[in-house]
Amino acid sequence: MLPTVDVQCPYCGEIITLVIDDSAGSQNYIEDCQVCCRPITVIVEFDEEGVPYADVRGEDEA
């Protein structure tokens, strides 16, 4: 089962749930918001215990 991370869309402010592929290590990709469909830059890192966390940015912040 893949882990999930809840993040807040930088455009509409809604909380969305991202499914993280933890076998791929640190990641940087673009995913559309599930609510407003705007492109979000997602930066995924992992803590010392392997738990993922994500930072999200809008196009003007990337």
PDB file of N, CA and C in Angstrom:
ATOM      1  N   MET A   1       0.839  -1.175   0.000  1.00  0.00           N
ATOM      2  CA  MET A   1       0.000   0.000   0.000  1.00  0.00           C
ATOM      3  C   MET A   1       0.889   1.246   0.000  1.00  0.00           C
ATOM      4  N   LEU A   2       0.615   2.151  -0.920  1.00  0.00           N
ATOM      5  CA  LEU A   2       1.412   3.367  -1.033  1.00  0.00           C
ATOM      6  C   LEU A   2       0.974   4.398   0.005  1.00  0.00           C
ATOM      7  N   PRO A   3       1.954   5.146   0.560  1.00  0.00           N
ATOM      8  CA  PRO A   3       1.599   6.177   1.549  1.00  0.00           C
ATOM      9  C   PRO A   3       0.931   7.372   0.879  1.00  0.00           C
ATOM     10  N   THR A   4       0.181   8.121   1.677  1.00  0.00           N
ATOM     11  CA  THR A   4      -0.466   9.336   1.201  1.00  0.00           C
ATOM     12  C   THR A   4      -0.014  10.520   2.049  1.00  0.00           C
ATOM     13  N   VAL A   5      -0.083  11.698   1.446  1.00  0.00           N
ATOM     14  CA  VAL A   5       0.260  12.935   2.138  1.00  0.00           C
ATOM     15  C   VAL A   5      -0.827  13.949   1.803  1.00  0.00           C
ATOM     16  N   ASP A   6      -1.364  14.619   2.815  1.00  0.00           N
ATOM     17  CA  ASP A   6      -2.338  15.684   2.595  1.00  0.00           C
ATOM     18  C   ASP A   6      -1.592  17.011   2.477  1.00  0.00           C
ATOM     19  N   VAL A   7      -1.926  17.770   1.421  1.00  0.00           N
ATOM     20  CA  VAL A   7      -1.312  19.079   1.191  1.00  0.00           C
ATOM     21  C   VAL A   7      -2.409  20.081   0.852  1.00  0.00           C
ATOM     22  N   GLN A   8      -2.078  21.350   0.965  1.00  0.00           N
ATOM     23  CA  GLN A   8      -3.034  22.409   0.630  1.00  0.00           C
ATOM     24  C   GLN A   8      -2.655  22.990  -0.726  1.00  0.00           C
ATOM     25  N   CYS A   9      -3.621  23.047  -1.636  1.00  0.00           N
ATOM     26  CA  CYS A   9      -3.400  23.607  -2.963  1.00  0.00           C
ATOM     27  C   CYS A   9      -2.998  25.078  -2.830  1.00  0.00           C
ATOM     28  N   PRO A  10      -1.899  25.490  -3.484  1.00  0.00           N
ATOM     29  CA  PRO A  10      -1.482  26.888  -3.391  1.00  0.00           C
ATOM     30  C   PRO A  10      -2.413  27.850  -4.141  1.00  0.00           C
ATOM     31  N   TYR A  11      -3.327  27.327  -4.947  1.00  0.00           N
ATOM     32  CA  TYR A  11      -4.241  28.169  -5.714  1.00  0.00           C
ATOM     33  C   TYR A  11      -5.603  28.307  -5.029  1.00  0.00           C
ATOM     34  N   CYS A  12      -6.280  27.173  -4.807  1.00  0.00           N
ATOM     35  CA  CYS A  12      -7.648  27.234  -4.285  1.00  0.00           C
ATOM     36  C   CYS A  12      -7.728  27.025  -2.776  1.00  0.00           C
ATOM     37  N   GLY A  13      -6.628  26.568  -2.163  1.00  0.00           N
ATOM     38  CA  GLY A  13      -6.604  26.398  -0.716  1.00  0.00           C
ATOM     39  C   GLY A  13      -7.214  25.109  -0.205  1.00  0.00           C
ATOM     40  N   GLU A  14      -7.748  24.287  -1.093  1.00  0.00           N
ATOM     41  CA  GLU A  14      -8.353  23.026  -0.666  1.00  0.00           C
ATOM     42  C   GLU A  14      -7.271  22.018  -0.273  1.00  0.00           C
ATOM     43  N   ILE A  15      -7.600  21.165   0.680  1.00  0.00           N
ATOM     44  CA  ILE A  15      -6.712  20.080   1.077  1.00  0.00           C
ATOM     45  C   ILE A  15      -6.903  18.938   0.087  1.00  0.00           C
ATOM     46  N   ILE A  16      -5.798  18.477  -0.501  1.00  0.00           N
ATOM     47  CA  ILE A  16      -5.856  17.345  -1.424  1.00  0.00           C
ATOM     48  C   ILE A  16      -4.915  16.257  -0.918  1.00  0.00           C
ATOM     49  N   THR A  17      -5.197  15.034  -1.283  1.00  0.00           N
ATOM     50  CA  THR A  17      -4.393  13.891  -0.867  1.00  0.00           C
ATOM     51  C   THR A  17      -3.571  13.401  -2.046  1.00  0.00           C
ATOM     52  N   LEU A  18      -2.256  13.342  -1.841  1.00  0.00           N
ATOM     53  CA  LEU A  18      -1.340  12.840  -2.862  1.00  0.00           C
ATOM     54  C   LEU A  18      -0.909  11.429  -2.488  1.00  0.00           C
ATOM     55  N   VAL A  19      -0.884  10.538  -3.453  1.00  0.00           N
ATOM     56  CA  VAL A  19      -0.366   9.185  -3.257  1.00  0.00           C
ATOM     57  C   VAL A  19       1.105   9.225  -3.656  1.00  0.00           C
ATOM     58  N   ILE A  20       1.981   8.797  -2.745  1.00  0.00           N
ATOM     59  CA  ILE A  20       3.426   8.893  -2.943  1.00  0.00           C
ATOM     60  C   ILE A  20       4.004   7.519  -3.273  1.00  0.00           C
ATOM     61  N   ASP A  21       4.760   7.460  -4.371  1.00  0.00           N
ATOM     62  CA  ASP A  21       5.482   6.232  -4.722  1.00  0.00           C
ATOM     63  C   ASP A  21       6.789   6.227  -3.931  1.00  0.00           C
ATOM     64  N   ASP A  22       6.785   5.558  -2.785  1.00  0.00           N
ATOM     65  CA  ASP A  22       7.950   5.597  -1.905  1.00  0.00           C
ATOM     66  C   ASP A  22       9.123   4.769  -2.416  1.00  0.00           C
ATOM     67  N   SER A  23       8.945   4.002  -3.481  1.00  0.00           N
ATOM     68  CA  SER A  23      10.051   3.229  -4.041  1.00  0.00           C
ATOM     69  C   SER A  23      10.923   4.095  -4.944  1.00  0.00           C
ATOM     70  N   ALA A  24      10.457   5.306  -5.296  1.00  0.00           N
ATOM     71  CA  ALA A  24      11.181   6.169  -6.229  1.00  0.00           C
ATOM     72  C   ALA A  24      12.115   7.155  -5.527  1.00  0.00           C
ATOM     73  N   GLY A  25      12.138   7.190  -4.204  1.00  0.00           N
ATOM     74  CA  GLY A  25      12.990   8.129  -3.483  1.00  0.00           C
ATOM     75  C   GLY A  25      12.475   9.553  -3.597  1.00  0.00           C
ATOM     76  N   SER A  26      13.368  10.523  -3.387  1.00  0.00           N
ATOM     77  CA  SER A  26      12.987  11.934  -3.482  1.00  0.00           C
ATOM     78  C   SER A  26      12.501  12.221  -4.895  1.00  0.00           C
ATOM     79  N   GLN A  27      11.483  13.084  -4.981  1.00  0.00           N
ATOM     80  CA  GLN A  27      10.858  13.335  -6.276  1.00  0.00           C
ATOM     81  C   GLN A  27      10.526  14.810  -6.434  1.00  0.00           C
ATOM     82  N   ASN A  28      10.422  15.232  -7.687  1.00  0.00           N
ATOM     83  CA  ASN A  28      10.001  16.579  -8.041  1.00  0.00           C
ATOM     84  C   ASN A  28       9.172  16.427  -9.309  1.00  0.00           C
ATOM     85  N   TYR A  29       7.884  16.715  -9.239  1.00  0.00           N
ATOM     86  CA  TYR A  29       7.010  16.524 -10.392  1.00  0.00           C
ATOM     87  C   TYR A  29       5.847  17.505 -10.347  1.00  0.00           C
ATOM     88  N   ILE A  30       5.081  17.561 -11.431  1.00  0.00           N
ATOM     89  CA  ILE A  30       3.913  18.433 -11.516  1.00  0.00           C
ATOM     90  C   ILE A  30       2.663  17.573 -11.544  1.00  0.00           C
ATOM     91  N   GLU A  31       1.705  17.938 -10.702  1.00  0.00           N
ATOM     92  CA  GLU A  31       0.418  17.235 -10.637  1.00  0.00           C
ATOM     93  C   GLU A  31      -0.685  18.282 -10.589  1.00  0.00           C
ATOM     94  N   ASP A  32      -1.759  18.032 -11.322  1.00  0.00           N
ATOM     95  CA  ASP A  32      -2.886  18.961 -11.306  1.00  0.00           C
ATOM     96  C   ASP A  32      -3.682  18.808 -10.016  1.00  0.00           C
ATOM     97  N   CYS A  33      -4.137  19.941  -9.473  1.00  0.00           N
ATOM     98  CA  CYS A  33      -5.000  19.930  -8.292  1.00  0.00           C
ATOM     99  C   CYS A  33      -6.271  19.158  -8.624  1.00  0.00           C
ATOM    100  N   GLN A  34      -6.704  18.310  -7.715  1.00  0.00           N
ATOM    101  CA  GLN A  34      -7.909  17.502  -7.917  1.00  0.00           C
ATOM    102  C   GLN A  34      -9.175  18.338  -7.839  1.00  0.00           C
ATOM    103  N   VAL A  35      -9.078  19.574  -7.326  1.00  0.00           N
ATOM    104  CA  VAL A  35     -10.247  20.437  -7.176  1.00  0.00           C
ATOM    105  C   VAL A  35     -10.305  21.490  -8.281  1.00  0.00           C
ATOM    106  N   CYS A  36      -9.227  22.299  -8.426  1.00  0.00           N
ATOM    107  CA  CYS A  36      -9.258  23.413  -9.385  1.00  0.00           C
ATOM    108  C   CYS A  36      -8.511  23.127 -10.687  1.00  0.00           C
ATOM    109  N   CYS A  37      -7.837  21.992 -10.765  1.00  0.00           N
ATOM    110  CA  CYS A  37      -7.142  21.519 -11.977  1.00  0.00           C
ATOM    111  C   CYS A  37      -5.931  22.350 -12.377  1.00  0.00           C
ATOM    112  N   ARG A  38      -5.435  23.226 -11.516  1.00  0.00           N
ATOM    113  CA  ARG A  38      -4.239  24.008 -11.838  1.00  0.00           C
ATOM    114  C   ARG A  38      -2.998  23.171 -11.533  1.00  0.00           C
ATOM    115  N   PRO A  39      -1.895  23.401 -12.270  1.00  0.00           N
ATOM    116  CA  PRO A  39      -0.680  22.601 -12.079  1.00  0.00           C
ATOM    117  C   PRO A  39       0.081  22.994 -10.813  1.00  0.00           C
ATOM    118  N   ILE A  40       0.399  21.999 -10.007  1.00  0.00           N
ATOM    119  CA  ILE A  40       1.114  22.192  -8.749  1.00  0.00           C
ATOM    120  C   ILE A  40       2.465  21.488  -8.850  1.00  0.00           C
ATOM    121  N   THR A  41       3.536  22.184  -8.502  1.00  0.00           N
ATOM    122  CA  THR A  41       4.843  21.540  -8.405  1.00  0.00           C
ATOM    123  C   THR A  41       4.911  20.844  -7.054  1.00  0.00           C
ATOM    124  N   VAL A  42       5.184  19.543  -7.074  1.00  0.00           N
ATOM    125  CA  VAL A  42       5.246  18.730  -5.859  1.00  0.00           C
ATOM    126  C   VAL A  42       6.689  18.302  -5.639  1.00  0.00           C
ATOM    127  N   ILE A  43       7.207  18.569  -4.443  1.00  0.00           N
ATOM    128  CA  ILE A  43       8.554  18.158  -4.067  1.00  0.00           C
ATOM    129  C   ILE A  43       8.413  17.200  -2.894  1.00  0.00           C
ATOM    130  N   VAL A  44       8.814  15.953  -3.108  1.00  0.00           N
ATOM    131  CA  VAL A  44       8.673  14.916  -2.087  1.00  0.00           C
ATOM    132  C   VAL A  44      10.049  14.570  -1.520  1.00  0.00           C
ATOM    133  N   GLU A  45      10.139  14.552  -0.215  1.00  0.00           N
ATOM    134  CA  GLU A  45      11.340  14.130   0.513  1.00  0.00           C
ATOM    135  C   GLU A  45      10.909  13.106   1.560  1.00  0.00           C
ATOM    136  N   PHE A  46      11.878  12.465   2.187  1.00  0.00           N
ATOM    137  CA  PHE A  46      11.605  11.464   3.209  1.00  0.00           C
ATOM    138  C   PHE A  46      12.416  11.776   4.452  1.00  0.00           C
ATOM    139  N   ASP A  47      11.798  11.581   5.632  1.00  0.00           N
ATOM    140  CA  ASP A  47      12.531  11.810   6.873  1.00  0.00           C
ATOM    141  C   ASP A  47      13.426  10.610   7.175  1.00  0.00           C
ATOM    142  N   GLU A  48      14.116  10.647   8.300  1.00  0.00           N
ATOM    143  CA  GLU A  48      15.068   9.594   8.664  1.00  0.00           C
ATOM    144  C   GLU A  48      14.425   8.216   8.777  1.00  0.00           C
ATOM    145  N   GLU A  49      13.131   8.184   9.091  1.00  0.00           N
ATOM    146  CA  GLU A  49      12.414   6.921   9.252  1.00  0.00           C
ATOM    147  C   GLU A  49      11.736   6.465   7.965  1.00  0.00           C
ATOM    148  N   GLY A  50      11.939   7.220   6.880  1.00  0.00           N
ATOM    149  CA  GLY A  50      11.352   6.846   5.601  1.00  0.00           C
ATOM    150  C   GLY A  50       9.928   7.332   5.395  1.00  0.00           C
ATOM    151  N   VAL A  51       9.452   8.221   6.270  1.00  0.00           N
ATOM    152  CA  VAL A  51       8.095   8.755   6.143  1.00  0.00           C
ATOM    153  C   VAL A  51       8.134   9.930   5.161  1.00  0.00           C
ATOM    154  N   PRO A  52       7.282   9.903   4.131  1.00  0.00           N
ATOM    155  CA  PRO A  52       7.322  10.981   3.140  1.00  0.00           C
ATOM    156  C   PRO A  52       6.655  12.259   3.629  1.00  0.00           C
ATOM    157  N   TYR A  53       7.149  13.379   3.147  1.00  0.00           N
ATOM    158  CA  TYR A  53       6.487  14.661   3.328  1.00  0.00           C
ATOM    159  C   TYR A  53       6.608  15.417   2.006  1.00  0.00           C
ATOM    160  N   ALA A  54       5.674  16.307   1.741  1.00  0.00           N
ATOM    161  CA  ALA A  54       5.641  17.002   0.464  1.00  0.00           C
ATOM    162  C   ALA A  54       5.527  18.503   0.653  1.00  0.00           C
ATOM    163  N   ASP A  55       6.204  19.216  -0.209  1.00  0.00           N
ATOM    164  CA  ASP A  55       6.094  20.664  -0.306  1.00  0.00           C
ATOM    165  C   ASP A  55       5.458  20.940  -1.664  1.00  0.00           C
ATOM    166  N   VAL A  56       4.465  21.818  -1.706  1.00  0.00           N
ATOM    167  CA  VAL A  56       3.789  22.119  -2.970  1.00  0.00           C
ATOM    168  C   VAL A  56       3.920  23.612  -3.264  1.00  0.00           C
ATOM    169  N   ARG A  57       4.032  23.919  -4.557  1.00  0.00           N
ATOM    170  CA  ARG A  57       4.198  25.296  -4.987  1.00  0.00           C
ATOM    171  C   ARG A  57       3.394  25.550  -6.254  1.00  0.00           C
ATOM    172  N   GLY A  58       2.949  26.767  -6.395  1.00  0.00           N
ATOM    173  CA  GLY A  58       2.269  27.178  -7.618  1.00  0.00           C
ATOM    174  C   GLY A  58       3.291  27.526  -8.692  1.00  0.00           C
ATOM    175  N   GLU A  59       2.821  27.755  -9.906  1.00  0.00           N
ATOM    176  CA  GLU A  59       3.709  28.082 -11.027  1.00  0.00           C
ATOM    177  C   GLU A  59       4.558  29.320 -10.762  1.00  0.00           C
ATOM    178  N   ASP A  60       4.001  30.314 -10.103  1.00  0.00           N
ATOM    179  CA  ASP A  60       4.734  31.542  -9.846  1.00  0.00           C
ATOM    180  C   ASP A  60       5.743  31.418  -8.714  1.00  0.00           C
ATOM    181  N   GLU A  61       5.722  30.307  -7.970  1.00  0.00           N
ATOM    182  CA  GLU A  61       6.645  30.083  -6.853  1.00  0.00           C
ATOM    183  C   GLU A  61       7.757  29.107  -7.203  1.00  0.00           C
ATOM    184  N   ALA A  62       7.601  28.344  -8.273  1.00  0.00           N
ATOM    185  CA  ALA A  62       8.540  27.244  -8.592  1.00  0.00           C
ATOM    186  C   ALA A  62       9.892  27.704  -9.017  1.00  0.00           C
TER     187      ALA A  62
END
